[in-house]
Amino acid sequence: MELADLQGMWFKLQAQVERLAEERRQYLDFFEQSPEAYLVTDGLGRISEVNGAAVDILQRRKHLLRGKPLGVLVVVEERAEFRHRLKAIVDGSTERSWLATIAAPEGRVEVTLTARLMGAGGICWRLQAME
């Protein structure tokens, strides 16, 4: 292979990396600006991403939520059920939506939790506050 061929491949690869980075920025902007409350966890329920609408419902700062298990935000009396449902979701359960109570600093918040499995073992959660 000649140097010119390698340089051409390098420039194509670099362009693809830049395109993927831009797509990621667009996804993150869409995620953050969504009026729907979303967060992303790993298969153990540890929060990796959380948008502004979810921050409002959970009544905690974003940097304090990252790395925290979602289950510890659920009221104590519902945590065993949360862990059971999380395991069922990871194991492939089709029932992925239920009512839960979040222990927020300003009081309890009733939410509908809806989970969707993502690639690489992640889970996307939609939180809808009950009014």
N, C-alpha and C. Protein backbone atom coordinates (compact mmCIF):
# COMPACT_ATOMS: atom_id res chain seq x y z
N MET A 1 0.85 -1.17 0.00
CA MET A 1 0.00 0.00 0.00
C MET A 1 0.90 1.24 0.00
N GLU A 2 0.55 2.22 -0.77
CA GLU A 2 1.35 3.43 -0.86
C GLU A 2 0.90 4.46 0.17
N LEU A 3 1.80 5.42 0.41
CA LEU A 3 1.53 6.47 1.38
C LEU A 3 0.27 7.26 1.01
N ALA A 4 0.09 7.52 -0.27
CA ALA A 4 -1.09 8.27 -0.72
C ALA A 4 -2.37 7.51 -0.40
N ASP A 5 -2.34 6.19 -0.56
CA ASP A 5 -3.51 5.36 -0.23
C ASP A 5 -3.82 5.42 1.26
N LEU A 6 -2.77 5.33 2.09
CA LEU A 6 -2.96 5.40 3.54
C LEU A 6 -3.48 6.76 3.96
N GLN A 7 -2.98 7.81 3.35
CA GLN A 7 -3.45 9.15 3.69
C GLN A 7 -4.92 9.31 3.30
N GLY A 8 -5.28 8.79 2.14
CA GLY A 8 -6.68 8.84 1.72
C GLY A 8 -7.59 8.11 2.69
N MET A 9 -7.16 6.94 3.14
CA MET A 9 -7.95 6.17 4.12
C MET A 9 -8.04 6.93 5.44
N TRP A 10 -6.93 7.57 5.83
CA TRP A 10 -6.91 8.34 7.07
C TRP A 10 -7.91 9.49 7.01
N PHE A 11 -7.95 10.22 5.91
CA PHE A 11 -8.87 11.35 5.77
C PHE A 11 -10.32 10.89 5.78
N LYS A 12 -10.60 9.75 5.14
CA LYS A 12 -11.96 9.19 5.16
C LYS A 12 -12.36 8.79 6.57
N LEU A 13 -11.43 8.17 7.28
CA LEU A 13 -11.71 7.76 8.66
C LEU A 13 -11.93 8.98 9.54
N GLN A 14 -11.11 10.00 9.38
CA GLN A 14 -11.24 11.22 10.15
C GLN A 14 -12.60 11.88 9.89
N ALA A 15 -13.05 11.90 8.63
CA ALA A 15 -14.35 12.48 8.29
C ALA A 15 -15.47 11.70 8.95
N GLN A 16 -15.35 10.38 9.00
CA GLN A 16 -16.38 9.55 9.63
C GLN A 16 -16.42 9.81 11.14
N VAL A 17 -15.26 9.94 11.77
CA VAL A 17 -15.21 10.23 13.20
C VAL A 17 -15.88 11.57 13.48
N GLU A 18 -15.61 12.57 12.67
CA GLU A 18 -16.23 13.88 12.86
C GLU A 18 -17.75 13.82 12.66
N ARG A 19 -18.20 13.04 11.69
CA ARG A 19 -19.64 12.88 11.46
C ARG A 19 -20.31 12.22 12.66
N LEU A 20 -19.68 11.18 13.19
CA LEU A 20 -20.23 10.49 14.36
C LEU A 20 -20.24 11.40 15.59
N ALA A 21 -19.21 12.20 15.75
CA ALA A 21 -19.17 13.14 16.89
C ALA A 21 -20.30 14.16 16.77
N GLU A 22 -20.56 14.64 15.56
CA GLU A 22 -21.65 15.60 15.36
C GLU A 22 -23.00 14.94 15.63
N GLU A 23 -23.19 13.70 15.19
CA GLU A 23 -24.43 12.99 15.47
C GLU A 23 -24.63 12.81 16.98
N ARG A 24 -23.56 12.52 17.68
CA ARG A 24 -23.64 12.37 19.15
C ARG A 24 -24.03 13.70 19.80
N ARG A 25 -23.44 14.79 19.35
CA ARG A 25 -23.80 16.12 19.89
C ARG A 25 -25.27 16.41 19.64
N GLN A 26 -25.76 16.08 18.45
CA GLN A 26 -27.17 16.32 18.14
C GLN A 26 -28.07 15.46 19.02
N TYR A 27 -27.70 14.20 19.21
CA TYR A 27 -28.48 13.31 20.08
C TYR A 27 -28.53 13.87 21.50
N LEU A 28 -27.37 14.28 22.03
CA LEU A 28 -27.33 14.80 23.40
C LEU A 28 -28.13 16.07 23.54
N ASP A 29 -28.11 16.93 22.52
CA ASP A 29 -28.89 18.16 22.56
C ASP A 29 -30.38 17.82 22.56
N PHE A 30 -30.79 16.89 21.70
CA PHE A 30 -32.20 16.46 21.65
C PHE A 30 -32.61 15.86 22.99
N PHE A 31 -31.76 15.00 23.55
CA PHE A 31 -32.02 14.34 24.83
C PHE A 31 -32.20 15.40 25.93
N GLU A 32 -31.29 16.34 26.00
CA GLU A 32 -31.33 17.35 27.05
C GLU A 32 -32.52 18.27 26.91
N GLN A 33 -32.88 18.64 25.69
CA GLN A 33 -33.95 19.61 25.47
C GLN A 33 -35.35 19.00 25.45
N SER A 34 -35.44 17.68 25.50
CA SER A 34 -36.74 17.02 25.44
C SER A 34 -37.63 17.45 26.61
N PRO A 35 -38.90 17.74 26.34
CA PRO A 35 -39.81 18.05 27.44
C PRO A 35 -40.19 16.80 28.24
N GLU A 36 -39.92 15.64 27.69
CA GLU A 36 -40.15 14.37 28.39
C GLU A 36 -38.97 14.09 29.31
N ALA A 37 -39.23 13.53 30.48
CA ALA A 37 -38.19 13.21 31.45
C ALA A 37 -37.58 11.85 31.13
N TYR A 38 -36.28 11.85 30.84
CA TYR A 38 -35.57 10.62 30.52
C TYR A 38 -34.29 10.53 31.32
N LEU A 39 -33.92 9.29 31.64
CA LEU A 39 -32.59 9.03 32.16
C LEU A 39 -32.13 7.69 31.62
N VAL A 40 -30.83 7.48 31.66
CA VAL A 40 -30.23 6.25 31.15
C VAL A 40 -29.44 5.62 32.28
N THR A 41 -29.61 4.31 32.43
CA THR A 41 -28.85 3.56 33.44
C THR A 41 -28.14 2.40 32.77
N ASP A 42 -27.23 1.81 33.51
CA ASP A 42 -26.67 0.53 33.07
C ASP A 42 -27.63 -0.57 33.53
N GLY A 43 -27.27 -1.81 33.30
CA GLY A 43 -28.14 -2.92 33.66
C GLY A 43 -28.33 -3.11 35.16
N LEU A 44 -27.46 -2.48 35.96
CA LEU A 44 -27.59 -2.54 37.41
C LEU A 44 -28.41 -1.39 37.96
N GLY A 45 -28.83 -0.48 37.07
CA GLY A 45 -29.65 0.64 37.49
C GLY A 45 -28.88 1.89 37.86
N ARG A 46 -27.56 1.93 37.63
CA ARG A 46 -26.76 3.13 37.93
C ARG A 46 -26.95 4.18 36.83
N ILE A 47 -27.28 5.38 37.23
CA ILE A 47 -27.59 6.47 36.30
C ILE A 47 -26.31 6.95 35.61
N SER A 48 -26.38 7.03 34.27
CA SER A 48 -25.25 7.56 33.51
C SER A 48 -25.60 8.88 32.84
N GLU A 49 -26.84 9.05 32.42
CA GLU A 49 -27.30 10.28 31.78
C GLU A 49 -28.68 10.64 32.33
N VAL A 50 -28.93 11.92 32.43
CA VAL A 50 -30.23 12.39 32.91
C VAL A 50 -30.51 13.74 32.26
N ASN A 51 -31.72 13.92 31.77
CA ASN A 51 -32.01 15.21 31.12
C ASN A 51 -32.66 16.19 32.10
N GLY A 52 -32.84 17.41 31.63
CA GLY A 52 -33.36 18.47 32.49
C GLY A 52 -34.74 18.19 33.04
N ALA A 53 -35.62 17.61 32.23
CA ALA A 53 -36.97 17.32 32.71
C ALA A 53 -36.94 16.28 33.83
N ALA A 54 -36.04 15.30 33.75
CA ALA A 54 -35.92 14.30 34.81
C ALA A 54 -35.33 14.93 36.07
N VAL A 55 -34.38 15.85 35.91
CA VAL A 55 -33.81 16.57 37.05
C VAL A 55 -34.93 17.29 37.81
N ASP A 56 -35.85 17.89 37.07
CA ASP A 56 -36.96 18.60 37.70
C ASP A 56 -37.83 17.65 38.53
N ILE A 57 -38.13 16.48 38.00
CA ILE A 57 -38.96 15.51 38.71
C ILE A 57 -38.22 14.96 39.93
N LEU A 58 -36.96 14.61 39.76
CA LEU A 58 -36.18 14.00 40.83
C LEU A 58 -35.71 15.00 41.88
N GLN A 59 -35.77 16.29 41.54
CA GLN A 59 -35.43 17.38 42.45
C GLN A 59 -34.01 17.24 43.02
N ARG A 60 -33.09 16.89 42.13
CA ARG A 60 -31.68 16.78 42.51
C ARG A 60 -30.83 17.33 41.38
N ARG A 61 -29.64 17.76 41.71
CA ARG A 61 -28.72 18.27 40.70
C ARG A 61 -28.18 17.12 39.84
N LYS A 62 -27.99 17.43 38.57
CA LYS A 62 -27.56 16.41 37.61
C LYS A 62 -26.27 15.73 38.05
N HIS A 63 -25.29 16.48 38.49
CA HIS A 63 -24.00 15.88 38.85
C HIS A 63 -24.12 14.96 40.07
N LEU A 64 -25.14 15.16 40.90
CA LEU A 64 -25.36 14.28 42.04
C LEU A 64 -26.09 13.00 41.66
N LEU A 65 -26.75 13.01 40.50
CA LEU A 65 -27.49 11.83 40.04
C LEU A 65 -26.59 10.84 39.30
N ARG A 66 -25.61 11.34 38.56
CA ARG A 66 -24.74 10.46 37.78
C ARG A 66 -23.99 9.50 38.70
N GLY A 67 -24.09 8.21 38.36
CA GLY A 67 -23.43 7.17 39.15
C GLY A 67 -24.27 6.64 40.29
N LYS A 68 -25.36 7.32 40.61
CA LYS A 68 -26.23 6.90 41.71
C LYS A 68 -27.20 5.82 41.20
N PRO A 69 -27.44 4.79 41.98
CA PRO A 69 -28.44 3.79 41.58
C PRO A 69 -29.84 4.41 41.58
N LEU A 70 -30.58 4.22 40.51
CA LEU A 70 -31.94 4.74 40.43
C LEU A 70 -32.79 4.21 41.57
N GLY A 71 -32.56 2.98 41.96
CA GLY A 71 -33.34 2.36 43.03
C GLY A 71 -33.30 3.10 44.35
N VAL A 72 -32.20 3.80 44.66
CA VAL A 72 -32.14 4.51 45.95
C VAL A 72 -33.00 5.76 45.95
N LEU A 73 -33.47 6.17 44.78
CA LEU A 73 -34.37 7.32 44.70
C LEU A 73 -35.82 6.92 44.93
N VAL A 74 -36.08 5.63 44.84
CA VAL A 74 -37.42 5.08 45.09
C VAL A 74 -37.61 4.98 46.60
N VAL A 75 -38.84 5.24 47.06
CA VAL A 75 -39.09 5.15 48.50
C VAL A 75 -38.73 3.76 49.02
N VAL A 76 -38.30 3.70 50.25
CA VAL A 76 -37.77 2.47 50.84
C VAL A 76 -38.74 1.30 50.69
N GLU A 77 -40.01 1.55 50.93
CA GLU A 77 -40.97 0.45 50.90
C GLU A 77 -41.22 -0.11 49.50
N GLU A 78 -40.75 0.55 48.45
CA GLU A 78 -40.93 0.06 47.07
C GLU A 78 -39.62 -0.39 46.43
N ARG A 79 -38.52 -0.34 47.16
CA ARG A 79 -37.22 -0.67 46.56
C ARG A 79 -37.09 -2.13 46.17
N ALA A 80 -37.62 -3.04 46.97
CA ALA A 80 -37.54 -4.46 46.63
C ALA A 80 -38.28 -4.72 45.32
N GLU A 81 -39.45 -4.11 45.16
CA GLU A 81 -40.20 -4.27 43.91
C GLU A 81 -39.42 -3.67 42.74
N PHE A 82 -38.79 -2.52 42.95
CA PHE A 82 -37.99 -1.91 41.89
C PHE A 82 -36.87 -2.86 41.46
N ARG A 83 -36.14 -3.40 42.43
CA ARG A 83 -35.04 -4.33 42.10
C ARG A 83 -35.55 -5.55 41.35
N HIS A 84 -36.70 -6.07 41.77
CA HIS A 84 -37.30 -7.22 41.10
C HIS A 84 -37.65 -6.88 39.66
N ARG A 85 -38.28 -5.73 39.44
CA ARG A 85 -38.66 -5.32 38.09
C ARG A 85 -37.43 -5.01 37.23
N LEU A 86 -36.41 -4.39 37.81
CA LEU A 86 -35.18 -4.12 37.07
C LEU A 86 -34.56 -5.42 36.58
N LYS A 87 -34.47 -6.41 37.44
CA LYS A 87 -33.91 -7.70 37.05
C LYS A 87 -34.75 -8.33 35.94
N ALA A 88 -36.07 -8.24 36.06
CA ALA A 88 -36.95 -8.80 35.04
C ALA A 88 -36.75 -8.09 33.69
N ILE A 89 -36.56 -6.79 33.72
CA ILE A 89 -36.32 -6.03 32.49
C ILE A 89 -35.02 -6.50 31.83
N VAL A 90 -33.98 -6.60 32.62
CA VAL A 90 -32.68 -7.04 32.10
C VAL A 90 -32.80 -8.46 31.55
N ASP A 91 -33.62 -9.29 32.19
CA ASP A 91 -33.82 -10.68 31.75
C ASP A 91 -34.79 -10.80 30.57
N GLY A 92 -35.37 -9.68 30.12
CA GLY A 92 -36.21 -9.70 28.92
C GLY A 92 -37.70 -9.61 29.15
N SER A 93 -38.14 -9.24 30.33
CA SER A 93 -39.57 -9.10 30.60
C SER A 93 -40.19 -8.08 29.65
N THR A 94 -41.41 -8.36 29.23
CA THR A 94 -42.11 -7.43 28.34
C THR A 94 -42.89 -6.38 29.13
N GLU A 95 -43.12 -6.64 30.42
CA GLU A 95 -43.80 -5.65 31.26
C GLU A 95 -42.76 -4.66 31.75
N ARG A 96 -42.80 -3.47 31.19
CA ARG A 96 -41.73 -2.50 31.47
C ARG A 96 -42.25 -1.15 31.94
N SER A 97 -43.47 -1.10 32.43
CA SER A 97 -44.03 0.16 32.88
C SER A 97 -44.83 -0.07 34.16
N TRP A 98 -44.61 0.78 35.15
CA TRP A 98 -45.34 0.66 36.40
C TRP A 98 -45.28 1.96 37.18
N LEU A 99 -46.14 2.07 38.18
CA LEU A 99 -46.16 3.23 39.06
C LEU A 99 -45.12 3.04 40.16
N ALA A 100 -44.40 4.11 40.47
CA ALA A 100 -43.41 4.08 41.54
C ALA A 100 -43.46 5.42 42.27
N THR A 101 -42.92 5.43 43.46
CA THR A 101 -42.87 6.65 44.25
C THR A 101 -41.41 7.04 44.46
N ILE A 102 -41.09 8.26 44.08
CA ILE A 102 -39.73 8.78 44.24
C ILE A 102 -39.68 9.59 45.55
N ALA A 103 -38.64 9.37 46.32
CA ALA A 103 -38.43 10.15 47.54
C ALA A 103 -37.62 11.39 47.15
N ALA A 104 -38.31 12.47 46.91
CA ALA A 104 -37.68 13.72 46.49
C ALA A 104 -37.50 14.64 47.70
N PRO A 105 -36.54 15.55 47.63
CA PRO A 105 -36.32 16.46 48.77
C PRO A 105 -37.56 17.24 49.20
N GLU A 106 -38.42 17.60 48.26
CA GLU A 106 -39.61 18.38 48.60
C GLU A 106 -40.84 17.51 48.84
N GLY A 107 -40.65 16.20 48.95
CA GLY A 107 -41.76 15.29 49.21
C GLY A 107 -41.80 14.17 48.19
N ARG A 108 -42.70 13.27 48.40
CA ARG A 108 -42.83 12.11 47.50
C ARG A 108 -43.44 12.54 46.17
N VAL A 109 -42.95 11.89 45.11
CA VAL A 109 -43.45 12.16 43.75
C VAL A 109 -43.86 10.83 43.14
N GLU A 110 -45.14 10.71 42.77
CA GLU A 110 -45.63 9.52 42.09
C GLU A 110 -45.28 9.65 40.61
N VAL A 111 -44.65 8.60 40.07
CA VAL A 111 -44.27 8.61 38.65
C VAL A 111 -44.64 7.29 38.01
N THR A 112 -44.83 7.35 36.71
CA THR A 112 -44.88 6.13 35.92
C THR A 112 -43.48 5.95 35.35
N LEU A 113 -42.86 4.82 35.64
CA LEU A 113 -41.56 4.48 35.10
C LEU A 113 -41.78 3.56 33.90
N THR A 114 -41.17 3.91 32.79
CA THR A 114 -41.24 3.07 31.61
C THR A 114 -39.81 2.83 31.16
N ALA A 115 -39.43 1.57 31.02
CA ALA A 115 -38.06 1.20 30.68
C ALA A 115 -37.99 0.60 29.28
N ARG A 116 -36.89 0.91 28.61
CA ARG A 116 -36.63 0.34 27.28
C ARG A 116 -35.16 -0.06 27.25
N LEU A 117 -34.91 -1.34 26.91
CA LEU A 117 -33.54 -1.81 26.80
C LEU A 117 -32.85 -1.14 25.61
N MET A 118 -31.61 -0.79 25.82
CA MET A 118 -30.78 -0.20 24.78
C MET A 118 -29.64 -1.16 24.49
N GLY A 119 -28.88 -0.86 23.46
CA GLY A 119 -27.71 -1.67 23.15
C GLY A 119 -26.70 -1.62 24.27
N ALA A 120 -25.83 -2.58 24.32
CA ALA A 120 -24.74 -2.67 25.30
C ALA A 120 -25.25 -2.74 26.75
N GLY A 121 -26.46 -3.23 26.96
CA GLY A 121 -26.96 -3.47 28.31
C GLY A 121 -27.51 -2.26 29.03
N GLY A 122 -27.63 -1.13 28.35
CA GLY A 122 -28.19 0.05 28.98
C GLY A 122 -29.71 0.03 28.99
N ILE A 123 -30.29 0.86 29.83
CA ILE A 123 -31.74 0.98 29.92
C ILE A 123 -32.09 2.46 29.86
N CYS A 124 -33.03 2.80 28.99
CA CYS A 124 -33.54 4.16 28.91
C CYS A 124 -34.86 4.18 29.68
N TRP A 125 -34.98 5.12 30.62
CA TRP A 125 -36.16 5.24 31.46
C TRP A 125 -36.90 6.52 31.14
N ARG A 126 -38.20 6.43 30.99
CA ARG A 126 -39.05 7.61 30.86
C ARG A 126 -39.79 7.76 32.18
N LEU A 127 -39.75 8.95 32.75
CA LEU A 127 -40.43 9.24 34.00
C LEU A 127 -41.58 10.20 33.69
N GLN A 128 -42.76 9.83 34.10
CA GLN A 128 -43.91 10.71 33.91
C GLN A 128 -44.55 10.94 35.27
N ALA A 129 -44.46 12.18 35.74
CA ALA A 129 -45.04 12.51 37.04
C ALA A 129 -46.55 12.44 36.97
N MET A 130 -47.13 11.85 37.99
CA MET A 130 -48.58 11.76 38.09
C MET A 130 -49.09 13.05 38.71
N GLU A 131 -50.14 13.59 38.18
CA GLU A 131 -50.65 14.88 38.68
C GLU A 131 -51.91 14.70 39.45
